[in-house]
């Protein structure tokens, strides 16, 4: 039997997110959704890891470089050369 996800606030079962009745997913109700928002606003939740600006720049440049990697272009170039011959 598949176990339904539980509301992170009260622990009640929550319908799957694909279900039309799951308006407040991943929460079970508007009340639980608002309790979560209030906790964020009060600072009860926090991102534990410190954010280092230099590290952000490094990681973002790595993402950009991987998106424009020349090795994927080489395969396309080889394919075009084969068509010409």
PDB file of N, CA and C in Angstrom:
ATOM      1  N   UNK A   1       0.841  -1.182   0.000  1.00  0.00           N
ATOM      2  CA  UNK A   1       0.000   0.000   0.000  1.00  0.00           C
ATOM      3  C   UNK A   1       0.886   1.246   0.000  1.00  0.00           C
ATOM      4  N   UNK A   2       0.500   2.200  -0.808  1.00  0.00           N
ATOM      5  CA  UNK A   2       1.261   3.438  -0.903  1.00  0.00           C
ATOM      6  C   UNK A   2       0.823   4.372   0.215  1.00  0.00           C
ATOM      7  N   UNK A   3       1.814   4.891   0.931  1.00  0.00           N
ATOM      8  CA  UNK A   3       1.535   5.807   2.027  1.00  0.00           C
ATOM      9  C   UNK A   3       1.502   7.233   1.488  1.00  0.00           C
ATOM     10  N   UNK A   4       0.433   7.960   1.815  1.00  0.00           N
ATOM     11  CA  UNK A   4       0.319   9.352   1.387  1.00  0.00           C
ATOM     12  C   UNK A   4       1.300  10.213   2.152  1.00  0.00           C
ATOM     13  N   UNK A   5       1.776  11.288   1.532  1.00  0.00           N
ATOM     14  CA  UNK A   5       2.676  12.193   2.247  1.00  0.00           C
ATOM     15  C   UNK A   5       1.948  12.827   3.433  1.00  0.00           C
ATOM     16  N   UNK A   6       2.731  13.226   4.414  1.00  0.00           N
ATOM     17  CA  UNK A   6       2.152  13.836   5.606  1.00  0.00           C
ATOM     18  C   UNK A   6       2.424  15.329   5.617  1.00  0.00           C
ATOM     19  N   UNK A   7       1.506  16.068   6.194  1.00  0.00           N
ATOM     20  CA  UNK A   7       1.652  17.514   6.358  1.00  0.00           C
ATOM     21  C   UNK A   7       2.827  17.767   7.298  1.00  0.00           C
ATOM     22  N   UNK A   8       3.767  18.639   6.912  1.00  0.00           N
ATOM     23  CA  UNK A   8       4.930  18.887   7.763  1.00  0.00           C
ATOM     24  C   UNK A   8       4.591  19.616   9.065  1.00  0.00           C
ATOM     25  N   UNK A   9       3.395  20.182   9.163  1.00  0.00           N
ATOM     26  CA  UNK A   9       3.001  20.904  10.364  1.00  0.00           C
ATOM     27  C   UNK A   9       2.255  19.999  11.350  1.00  0.00           C
ATOM     28  N   UNK A  10       1.175  19.346  10.884  1.00  0.00           N
ATOM     29  CA  UNK A  10       0.343  18.569  11.810  1.00  0.00           C
ATOM     30  C   UNK A  10       0.462  17.060  11.652  1.00  0.00           C
ATOM     31  N   UNK A  11       1.003  16.593  10.526  1.00  0.00           N
ATOM     32  CA  UNK A  11       1.200  15.163  10.323  1.00  0.00           C
ATOM     33  C   UNK A  11       0.034  14.439   9.672  1.00  0.00           C
ATOM     34  N   UNK A  12      -1.042  15.138   9.317  1.00  0.00           N
ATOM     35  CA  UNK A  12      -2.174  14.500   8.639  1.00  0.00           C
ATOM     36  C   UNK A  12      -1.768  14.120   7.219  1.00  0.00           C
ATOM     37  N   UNK A  13      -2.495  13.140   6.656  1.00  0.00           N
ATOM     38  CA  UNK A  13      -2.237  12.733   5.272  1.00  0.00           C
ATOM     39  C   UNK A  13      -2.642  13.841   4.313  1.00  0.00           C
ATOM     40  N   UNK A  14      -1.838  13.996   3.267  1.00  0.00           N
ATOM     41  CA  UNK A  14      -2.085  15.014   2.252  1.00  0.00           C
ATOM     42  C   UNK A  14      -2.293  14.298   0.928  1.00  0.00           C
ATOM     43  N   UNK A  15      -3.333  14.681   0.161  1.00  0.00           N
ATOM     44  CA  UNK A  15      -3.510  14.049  -1.145  1.00  0.00           C
ATOM     45  C   UNK A  15      -2.329  14.371  -2.064  1.00  0.00           C
ATOM     46  N   UNK A  16      -2.066  13.517  -3.046  1.00  0.00           N
ATOM     47  CA  UNK A  16      -0.947  13.779  -3.968  1.00  0.00           C
ATOM     48  C   UNK A  16      -1.085  15.141  -4.639  1.00  0.00           C
ATOM     49  N   UNK A  17       0.032  15.764  -4.953  1.00  0.00           N
ATOM     50  CA  UNK A  17       0.032  17.107  -5.548  1.00  0.00           C
ATOM     51  C   UNK A  17      -0.688  17.130  -6.884  1.00  0.00           C
ATOM     52  N   UNK A  18      -0.759  16.013  -7.574  1.00  0.00           N
ATOM     53  CA  UNK A  18      -1.438  15.963  -8.867  1.00  0.00           C
ATOM     54  C   UNK A  18      -2.958  15.941  -8.716  1.00  0.00           C
ATOM     55  N   UNK A  19      -3.446  15.652  -7.526  1.00  0.00           N
ATOM     56  CA  UNK A  19      -4.875  15.598  -7.252  1.00  0.00           C
ATOM     57  C   UNK A  19      -5.427  17.022  -7.132  1.00  0.00           C
ATOM     58  N   UNK A  20      -6.614  17.269  -7.678  1.00  0.00           N
ATOM     59  CA  UNK A  20      -7.214  18.612  -7.648  1.00  0.00           C
ATOM     60  C   UNK A  20      -7.544  19.056  -6.224  1.00  0.00           C
ATOM     61  N   UNK A  21      -7.723  18.117  -5.313  1.00  0.00           N
ATOM     62  CA  UNK A  21      -8.058  18.474  -3.929  1.00  0.00           C
ATOM     63  C   UNK A  21      -6.829  18.883  -3.123  1.00  0.00           C
ATOM     64  N   UNK A  22      -5.653  18.802  -3.704  1.00  0.00           N
ATOM     65  CA  UNK A  22      -4.410  19.148  -2.999  1.00  0.00           C
ATOM     66  C   UNK A  22      -4.064  20.611  -3.220  1.00  0.00           C
ATOM     67  N   UNK A  23      -4.975  21.485  -2.897  1.00  0.00           N
ATOM     68  CA  UNK A  23      -4.796  22.914  -3.131  1.00  0.00           C
ATOM     69  C   UNK A  23      -3.653  23.475  -2.292  1.00  0.00           C
ATOM     70  N   UNK A  24      -3.458  22.935  -1.104  1.00  0.00           N
ATOM     71  CA  UNK A  24      -2.474  23.487  -0.177  1.00  0.00           C
ATOM     72  C   UNK A  24      -1.212  22.633  -0.064  1.00  0.00           C
ATOM     73  N   UNK A  25      -1.018  21.698  -0.988  1.00  0.00           N
ATOM     74  CA  UNK A  25       0.137  20.807  -0.923  1.00  0.00           C
ATOM     75  C   UNK A  25       1.422  21.608  -0.804  1.00  0.00           C
ATOM     76  N   UNK A  26       2.334  21.196  -0.008  1.00  0.00           N
ATOM     77  CA  UNK A  26       2.443  19.944   0.732  1.00  0.00           C
ATOM     78  C   UNK A  26       1.755  19.969   2.093  1.00  0.00           C
ATOM     79  N   UNK A  27       0.925  20.974   2.342  1.00  0.00           N
ATOM     80  CA  UNK A  27       0.214  21.068   3.607  1.00  0.00           C
ATOM     81  C   UNK A  27      -1.195  20.508   3.442  1.00  0.00           C
ATOM     82  N   UNK A  28      -1.840  20.197   4.564  1.00  0.00           N
ATOM     83  CA  UNK A  28      -3.181  19.625   4.505  1.00  0.00           C
ATOM     84  C   UNK A  28      -4.268  20.684   4.453  1.00  0.00           C
ATOM     85  N   UNK A  29      -3.967  21.890   4.888  1.00  0.00           N
ATOM     86  CA  UNK A  29      -4.988  22.932   4.938  1.00  0.00           C
ATOM     87  C   UNK A  29      -4.352  24.317   4.837  1.00  0.00           C
ATOM     88  N   UNK A  30      -5.230  25.291   4.675  1.00  0.00           N
ATOM     89  CA  UNK A  30      -4.753  26.676   4.638  1.00  0.00           C
ATOM     90  C   UNK A  30      -4.125  27.051   5.973  1.00  0.00           C
ATOM     91  N   UNK A  31      -4.705  26.561   7.047  1.00  0.00           N
ATOM     92  CA  UNK A  31      -4.197  26.843   8.389  1.00  0.00           C
ATOM     93  C   UNK A  31      -2.736  26.416   8.524  1.00  0.00           C
ATOM     94  N   UNK A  32      -2.438  25.182   8.116  1.00  0.00           N
ATOM     95  CA  UNK A  32      -1.069  24.671   8.229  1.00  0.00           C
ATOM     96  C   UNK A  32      -0.120  25.436   7.309  1.00  0.00           C
ATOM     97  N   UNK A  33      -0.608  25.818   6.137  1.00  0.00           N
ATOM     98  CA  UNK A  33       0.216  26.591   5.214  1.00  0.00           C
ATOM     99  C   UNK A  33       0.570  27.950   5.824  1.00  0.00           C
ATOM    100  N   UNK A  34      -0.399  28.582   6.472  1.00  0.00           N
ATOM    101  CA  UNK A  34      -0.151  29.882   7.092  1.00  0.00           C
ATOM    102  C   UNK A  34       0.733  29.768   8.333  1.00  0.00           C
ATOM    103  N   UNK A  35       0.595  28.688   9.072  1.00  0.00           N
ATOM    104  CA  UNK A  35       1.481  28.461  10.227  1.00  0.00           C
ATOM    105  C   UNK A  35       2.923  28.373   9.750  1.00  0.00           C
ATOM    106  N   UNK A  36       3.151  27.669   8.653  1.00  0.00           N
ATOM    107  CA  UNK A  36       4.496  27.551   8.090  1.00  0.00           C
ATOM    108  C   UNK A  36       5.031  28.920   7.669  1.00  0.00           C
ATOM    109  N   UNK A  37       4.201  29.712   7.013  1.00  0.00           N
ATOM    110  CA  UNK A  37       4.610  31.051   6.588  1.00  0.00           C
ATOM    111  C   UNK A  37       4.975  31.917   7.796  1.00  0.00           C
ATOM    112  N   UNK A  38       4.164  31.851   8.839  1.00  0.00           N
ATOM    113  CA  UNK A  38       4.442  32.624  10.055  1.00  0.00           C
ATOM    114  C   UNK A  38       5.774  32.205  10.667  1.00  0.00           C
ATOM    115  N   UNK A  39       6.048  30.914  10.670  1.00  0.00           N
ATOM    116  CA  UNK A  39       7.324  30.437  11.218  1.00  0.00           C
ATOM    117  C   UNK A  39       8.497  30.979  10.418  1.00  0.00           C
ATOM    118  N   UNK A  40       8.378  31.023   9.087  1.00  0.00           N
ATOM    119  CA  UNK A  40       9.445  31.600   8.268  1.00  0.00           C
ATOM    120  C   UNK A  40       9.623  33.078   8.590  1.00  0.00           C
ATOM    121  N   UNK A  41       8.499  33.795   8.710  1.00  0.00           N
ATOM    122  CA  UNK A  41       8.558  35.244   8.986  1.00  0.00           C
ATOM    123  C   UNK A  41       9.155  35.553  10.358  1.00  0.00           C
ATOM    124  N   UNK A  42       8.900  34.684  11.321  1.00  0.00           N
ATOM    125  CA  UNK A  42       9.438  34.876  12.671  1.00  0.00           C
ATOM    126  C   UNK A  42      10.901  34.468  12.783  1.00  0.00           C
ATOM    127  N   UNK A  43      11.428  33.832  11.748  1.00  0.00           N
ATOM    128  CA  UNK A  43      12.824  33.406  11.768  1.00  0.00           C
ATOM    129  C   UNK A  43      13.051  32.067  12.435  1.00  0.00           C
ATOM    130  N   UNK A  44      11.993  31.281  12.610  1.00  0.00           N
ATOM    131  CA  UNK A  44      12.164  29.947  13.213  1.00  0.00           C
ATOM    132  C   UNK A  44      12.886  28.987  12.274  1.00  0.00           C
ATOM    133  N   UNK A  45      12.707  29.196  10.996  1.00  0.00           N
ATOM    134  CA  UNK A  45      13.417  28.398  10.007  1.00  0.00           C
ATOM    135  C   UNK A  45      14.593  29.228   9.505  1.00  0.00           C
ATOM    136  N   UNK A  46      15.650  28.562   9.171  1.00  0.00           N
ATOM    137  CA  UNK A  46      16.805  29.282   8.655  1.00  0.00           C
ATOM    138  C   UNK A  46      17.620  28.369   7.749  1.00  0.00           C
ATOM    139  N   UNK A  47      18.312  28.979   6.819  1.00  0.00           N
ATOM    140  CA  UNK A  47      19.251  28.239   5.990  1.00  0.00           C
ATOM    141  C   UNK A  47      20.534  28.144   6.801  1.00  0.00           C
ATOM    142  N   UNK A  48      20.964  26.927   7.067  1.00  0.00           N
ATOM    143  CA  UNK A  48      22.053  26.681   8.003  1.00  0.00           C
ATOM    144  C   UNK A  48      23.406  27.101   7.454  1.00  0.00           C
ATOM    145  N   UNK A  49      23.653  26.836   6.194  1.00  0.00           N
ATOM    146  CA  UNK A  49      24.962  27.097   5.603  1.00  0.00           C
ATOM    147  C   UNK A  49      25.127  28.579   5.289  1.00  0.00           C
ATOM    148  N   UNK A  50      26.253  29.124   5.670  1.00  0.00           N
ATOM    149  CA  UNK A  50      26.539  30.524   5.365  1.00  0.00           C
ATOM    150  C   UNK A  50      26.781  30.680   3.871  1.00  0.00           C
ATOM    151  N   UNK A  51      26.302  31.771   3.317  1.00  0.00           N
ATOM    152  CA  UNK A  51      26.462  32.018   1.893  1.00  0.00           C
ATOM    153  C   UNK A  51      27.669  32.927   1.694  1.00  0.00           C
ATOM    154  N   UNK A  52      28.652  32.424   0.973  1.00  0.00           N
ATOM    155  CA  UNK A  52      29.876  33.159   0.687  1.00  0.00           C
ATOM    156  C   UNK A  52      29.765  33.726  -0.728  1.00  0.00           C
ATOM    157  N   UNK A  53      29.775  35.052  -0.894  1.00  0.00           N
ATOM    158  CA  UNK A  53      29.615  35.653  -2.222  1.00  0.00           C
ATOM    159  C   UNK A  53      30.601  35.133  -3.262  1.00  0.00           C
ATOM    160  N   UNK A  54      31.848  34.897  -2.880  1.00  0.00           N
ATOM    161  CA  UNK A  54      32.828  34.412  -3.858  1.00  0.00           C
ATOM    162  C   UNK A  54      32.466  33.003  -4.316  1.00  0.00           C
ATOM    163  N   UNK A  55      31.907  32.207  -3.421  1.00  0.00           N
ATOM    164  CA  UNK A  55      31.505  30.856  -3.775  1.00  0.00           C
ATOM    165  C   UNK A  55      30.317  30.873  -4.726  1.00  0.00           C
ATOM    166  N   UNK A  56      29.414  31.827  -4.542  1.00  0.00           N
ATOM    167  CA  UNK A  56      28.284  31.960  -5.452  1.00  0.00           C
ATOM    168  C   UNK A  56      28.745  32.283  -6.859  1.00  0.00           C
ATOM    169  N   UNK A  57      29.716  33.164  -6.972  1.00  0.00           N
ATOM    170  CA  UNK A  57      30.239  33.539  -8.282  1.00  0.00           C
ATOM    171  C   UNK A  57      30.893  32.336  -8.942  1.00  0.00           C
ATOM    172  N   UNK A  58      31.670  31.580  -8.181  1.00  0.00           N
ATOM    173  CA  UNK A  58      32.331  30.391  -8.731  1.00  0.00           C
ATOM    174  C   UNK A  58      31.315  29.372  -9.212  1.00  0.00           C
ATOM    175  N   UNK A  59      30.310  29.080  -8.406  1.00  0.00           N
ATOM    176  CA  UNK A  59      29.337  28.056  -8.780  1.00  0.00           C
ATOM    177  C   UNK A  59      28.488  28.504  -9.953  1.00  0.00           C
ATOM    178  N   UNK A  60      28.137  29.785 -10.028  1.00  0.00           N
ATOM    179  CA  UNK A  60      27.341  30.253 -11.161  1.00  0.00           C
ATOM    180  C   UNK A  60      28.157  30.214 -12.448  1.00  0.00           C
ATOM    181  N   UNK A  61      29.461  30.502 -12.381  1.00  0.00           N
ATOM    182  CA  UNK A  61      30.281  30.444 -13.590  1.00  0.00           C
ATOM    183  C   UNK A  61      30.471  29.001 -14.045  1.00  0.00           C
ATOM    184  N   UNK A  62      30.507  28.064 -13.106  1.00  0.00           N
ATOM    185  CA  UNK A  62      30.607  26.650 -13.473  1.00  0.00           C
ATOM    186  C   UNK A  62      29.360  26.204 -14.219  1.00  0.00           C
ATOM    187  N   UNK A  63      28.197  26.675 -13.781  1.00  0.00           N
ATOM    188  CA  UNK A  63      26.943  26.321 -14.446  1.00  0.00           C
ATOM    189  C   UNK A  63      26.932  26.872 -15.857  1.00  0.00           C
ATOM    190  N   UNK A  64      27.326  28.111 -16.017  1.00  0.00           N
ATOM    191  CA  UNK A  64      27.359  28.732 -17.342  1.00  0.00           C
ATOM    192  C   UNK A  64      28.327  27.996 -18.250  1.00  0.00           C
ATOM    193  N   UNK A  65      29.500  27.648 -17.745  1.00  0.00           N
ATOM    194  CA  UNK A  65      30.482  26.935 -18.555  1.00  0.00           C
ATOM    195  C   UNK A  65      29.968  25.564 -18.971  1.00  0.00           C
ATOM    196  N   UNK A  66      29.279  24.865 -18.084  1.00  0.00           N
ATOM    197  CA  UNK A  66      28.780  23.537 -18.425  1.00  0.00           C
ATOM    198  C   UNK A  66      27.654  23.613 -19.446  1.00  0.00           C
ATOM    199  N   UNK A  67      26.879  24.716 -19.437  1.00  0.00           N
ATOM    200  CA  UNK A  67      25.809  24.863 -20.416  1.00  0.00           C
ATOM    201  C   UNK A  67      26.358  25.115 -21.811  1.00  0.00           C
ATOM    202  N   UNK A  68      27.513  25.738 -21.906  1.00  0.00           N
ATOM    203  CA  UNK A  68      28.103  26.067 -23.190  1.00  0.00           C
ATOM    204  C   UNK A  68      29.378  25.273 -23.433  1.00  0.00           C
ATOM    205  N   UNK A  69      29.361  24.034 -23.040  1.00  0.00           N
ATOM    206  CA  UNK A  69      30.513  23.159 -23.185  1.00  0.00           C
ATOM    207  C   UNK A  69      30.734  22.862 -24.668  1.00  0.00           C
ATOM    208  N   UNK A  70      31.977  23.026 -25.147  1.00  0.00           N
ATOM    209  CA  UNK A  70      32.303  22.810 -26.553  1.00  0.00           C
ATOM    210  C   UNK A  70      32.280  21.346 -26.947  1.00  0.00           C
ATOM    211  N   UNK A  71      32.378  20.443 -26.007  1.00  0.00           N
ATOM    212  CA  UNK A  71      32.417  19.023 -26.358  1.00  0.00           C
ATOM    213  C   UNK A  71      31.109  18.571 -26.991  1.00  0.00           C
ATOM    214  N   UNK A  72      29.977  19.144 -26.573  1.00  0.00           N
ATOM    215  CA  UNK A  72      28.705  18.772 -27.181  1.00  0.00           C
ATOM    216  C   UNK A  72      28.617  19.314 -28.608  1.00  0.00           C
ATOM    217  N   UNK A  73      29.262  20.431 -28.875  1.00  0.00           N
ATOM    218  CA  UNK A  73      29.276  21.003 -30.215  1.00  0.00           C
ATOM    219  C   UNK A  73      30.115  20.163 -31.168  1.00  0.00           C
ATOM    220  N   UNK A  74      31.138  19.478 -30.661  1.00  0.00           N
ATOM    221  CA  UNK A  74      32.014  18.675 -31.505  1.00  0.00           C
ATOM    222  C   UNK A  74      31.221  17.548 -32.170  1.00  0.00           C
ATOM    223  N   UNK A  75      30.319  16.936 -31.444  1.00  0.00           N
ATOM    224  CA  UNK A  75      29.499  15.865 -32.014  1.00  0.00           C
ATOM    225  C   UNK A  75      28.640  16.375 -33.154  1.00  0.00           C
ATOM    226  N   UNK A  76      28.073  17.568 -32.998  1.00  0.00           N
ATOM    227  CA  UNK A  76      27.269  18.167 -34.054  1.00  0.00           C
ATOM    228  C   UNK A  76      28.138  18.499 -35.267  1.00  0.00           C
ATOM    229  N   UNK A  77      29.341  18.985 -35.023  1.00  0.00           N
ATOM    230  CA  UNK A  77      30.244  19.330 -36.117  1.00  0.00           C
ATOM    231  C   UNK A  77      30.609  18.073 -36.903  1.00  0.00           C
ATOM    232  N   UNK A  78      30.896  16.975 -36.223  1.00  0.00           N
ATOM    233  CA  UNK A  78      31.221  15.717 -36.883  1.00  0.00           C
ATOM    234  C   UNK A  78      30.043  15.242 -37.732  1.00  0.00           C
ATOM    235  N   UNK A  79      28.838  15.401 -37.211  1.00  0.00           N
ATOM    236  CA  UNK A  79      27.656  14.967 -37.944  1.00  0.00           C
ATOM    237  C   UNK A  79      27.495  15.763 -39.235  1.00  0.00           C
ATOM    238  N   UNK A  80      27.721  17.076 -39.187  1.00  0.00           N
ATOM    239  CA  UNK A  80      27.618  17.907 -40.381  1.00  0.00           C
ATOM    240  C   UNK A  80      28.708  17.557 -41.396  1.00  0.00           C
ATOM    241  N   UNK A  81      29.913  17.243 -40.935  1.00  0.00           N
ATOM    242  CA  UNK A  81      30.984  16.876 -41.833  1.00  0.00           C
ATOM    243  C   UNK A  81      30.655  15.560 -42.546  1.00  0.00           C
ATOM    244  N   UNK A  82      30.027  14.615 -41.828  1.00  0.00           N
ATOM    245  CA  UNK A  82      29.661  13.338 -42.437  1.00  0.00           C
ATOM    246  C   UNK A  82      28.612  13.533 -43.517  1.00  0.00           C
ATOM    247  N   UNK A  83      27.715  14.461 -43.341  1.00  0.00           N
ATOM    248  CA  UNK A  83      26.668  14.728 -44.334  1.00  0.00           C
ATOM    249  C   UNK A  83      27.260  15.317 -45.612  1.00  0.00           C
ATOM    250  N   UNK A  84      28.294  16.141 -45.472  1.00  0.00           N
ATOM    251  CA  UNK A  84      28.903  16.790 -46.629  1.00  0.00           C
ATOM    252  C   UNK A  84      29.646  15.771 -47.498  1.00  0.00           C
ATOM    253  N   UNK A  85      30.164  14.711 -46.906  1.00  0.00           N
ATOM    254  CA  UNK A  85      30.955  13.730 -47.641  1.00  0.00           C
ATOM    255  C   UNK A  85      30.117  12.708 -48.306  1.00  0.00           C
TER     256      UNK A  85
END
